[in-house]
Protein backbone atom coordinates (compact mmCIF):
# COMPACT_ATOMS: atom_id res chain seq x y z
CA UNK A 1 -63.50 -60.26 51.39
CA UNK A 2 -61.84 -62.84 49.22
CA UNK A 3 -60.18 -61.92 45.97
CA UNK A 4 -62.14 -64.69 44.27
CA UNK A 5 -65.59 -63.60 45.41
CA UNK A 6 -67.59 -61.35 43.13
CA UNK A 7 -69.94 -59.31 45.34
CA UNK A 8 -72.11 -57.51 42.76
CA UNK A 9 -72.92 -60.26 40.24
CA UNK A 10 -76.63 -60.58 39.52
CA UNK A 11 -77.62 -57.38 41.29
CA UNK A 12 -78.80 -54.02 40.03
CA UNK A 13 -75.44 -52.60 41.15
CA UNK A 14 -73.76 -54.89 38.61
CA UNK A 15 -75.95 -53.52 35.84
CA UNK A 16 -75.40 -49.93 36.97
CA UNK A 17 -71.61 -50.42 37.03
CA UNK A 18 -71.71 -51.85 33.50
CA UNK A 19 -73.79 -48.94 32.24
CA UNK A 20 -71.49 -46.37 33.86
CA UNK A 21 -68.37 -48.08 32.52
CA UNK A 22 -69.90 -48.22 29.04
CA UNK A 23 -70.68 -44.50 29.13
CA UNK A 24 -67.14 -43.71 30.31
CA UNK A 25 -65.66 -45.87 27.54
CA UNK A 26 -67.72 -44.19 24.82
CA UNK A 27 -66.97 -40.72 26.23
CA UNK A 28 -63.24 -41.49 26.29
CA UNK A 29 -63.22 -42.61 22.65
CA UNK A 30 -65.23 -39.56 21.58
CA UNK A 31 -62.88 -37.24 23.50
CA UNK A 32 -59.82 -38.84 21.89
CA UNK A 33 -61.27 -38.50 18.39
CA UNK A 34 -62.32 -34.89 19.05
CA UNK A 35 -58.87 -34.04 20.44
CA UNK A 36 -57.15 -35.62 17.43
CA UNK A 37 -59.38 -33.64 15.09
CA UNK A 38 -58.73 -30.35 16.92
CA UNK A 39 -54.95 -30.92 16.84
CA UNK A 40 -55.20 -31.74 13.15
CA UNK A 41 -57.04 -28.49 12.43
CA UNK A 42 -54.55 -26.18 14.19
CA UNK A 43 -51.97 -25.83 11.36
CA UNK A 44 -54.71 -25.67 8.72
CA UNK A 45 -56.56 -22.87 10.53
CA UNK A 46 -53.28 -21.00 10.99
CA UNK A 47 -52.56 -21.31 7.26
CA UNK A 48 -56.06 -20.06 6.42
CA UNK A 49 -55.64 -17.04 8.66
CA UNK A 50 -52.36 -16.08 6.91
CA UNK A 51 -53.70 -16.79 3.38
CA UNK A 52 -51.09 -19.47 2.84
CA UNK A 53 -51.05 -20.82 -0.71
CA UNK A 54 -50.06 -24.43 0.06
CA UNK A 55 -53.03 -25.62 2.09
CA UNK A 56 -53.03 -29.02 0.38
CA UNK A 57 -49.42 -29.63 1.36
CA UNK A 58 -50.02 -28.49 4.94
CA UNK A 59 -53.08 -30.73 5.20
CA UNK A 60 -51.25 -33.78 3.83
CA UNK A 61 -48.22 -33.29 6.07
CA UNK A 62 -50.41 -32.75 9.13
CA UNK A 63 -52.24 -36.03 8.51
CA UNK A 64 -48.97 -37.90 7.93
CA UNK A 65 -47.38 -36.57 11.12
CA UNK A 66 -50.44 -37.11 13.31
CA UNK A 67 -51.13 -40.60 11.97
CA UNK A 68 -47.50 -41.46 12.72
CA UNK A 69 -48.02 -40.34 16.32
CA UNK A 70 -51.01 -42.65 16.58
CA UNK A 71 -48.94 -45.64 15.49
CA UNK A 72 -46.08 -44.86 17.87
CA UNK A 73 -43.63 -43.95 15.11
């Protein structure tokens, strides 16, 4: 098989591969957003369980730290 030939173009396999890759892409983005949200909630839930009085500060610092991770800082 040549590296330049494209064996599945115009077939139902091509369509199926595109559908599967689209589903995997959407699932990956949803999993990343869900994971980010769960990591964000950990310190806030811990503060709630200990009746911490500075929930606003904890929330703000958590968002600052986690958004810095997302930008590679």
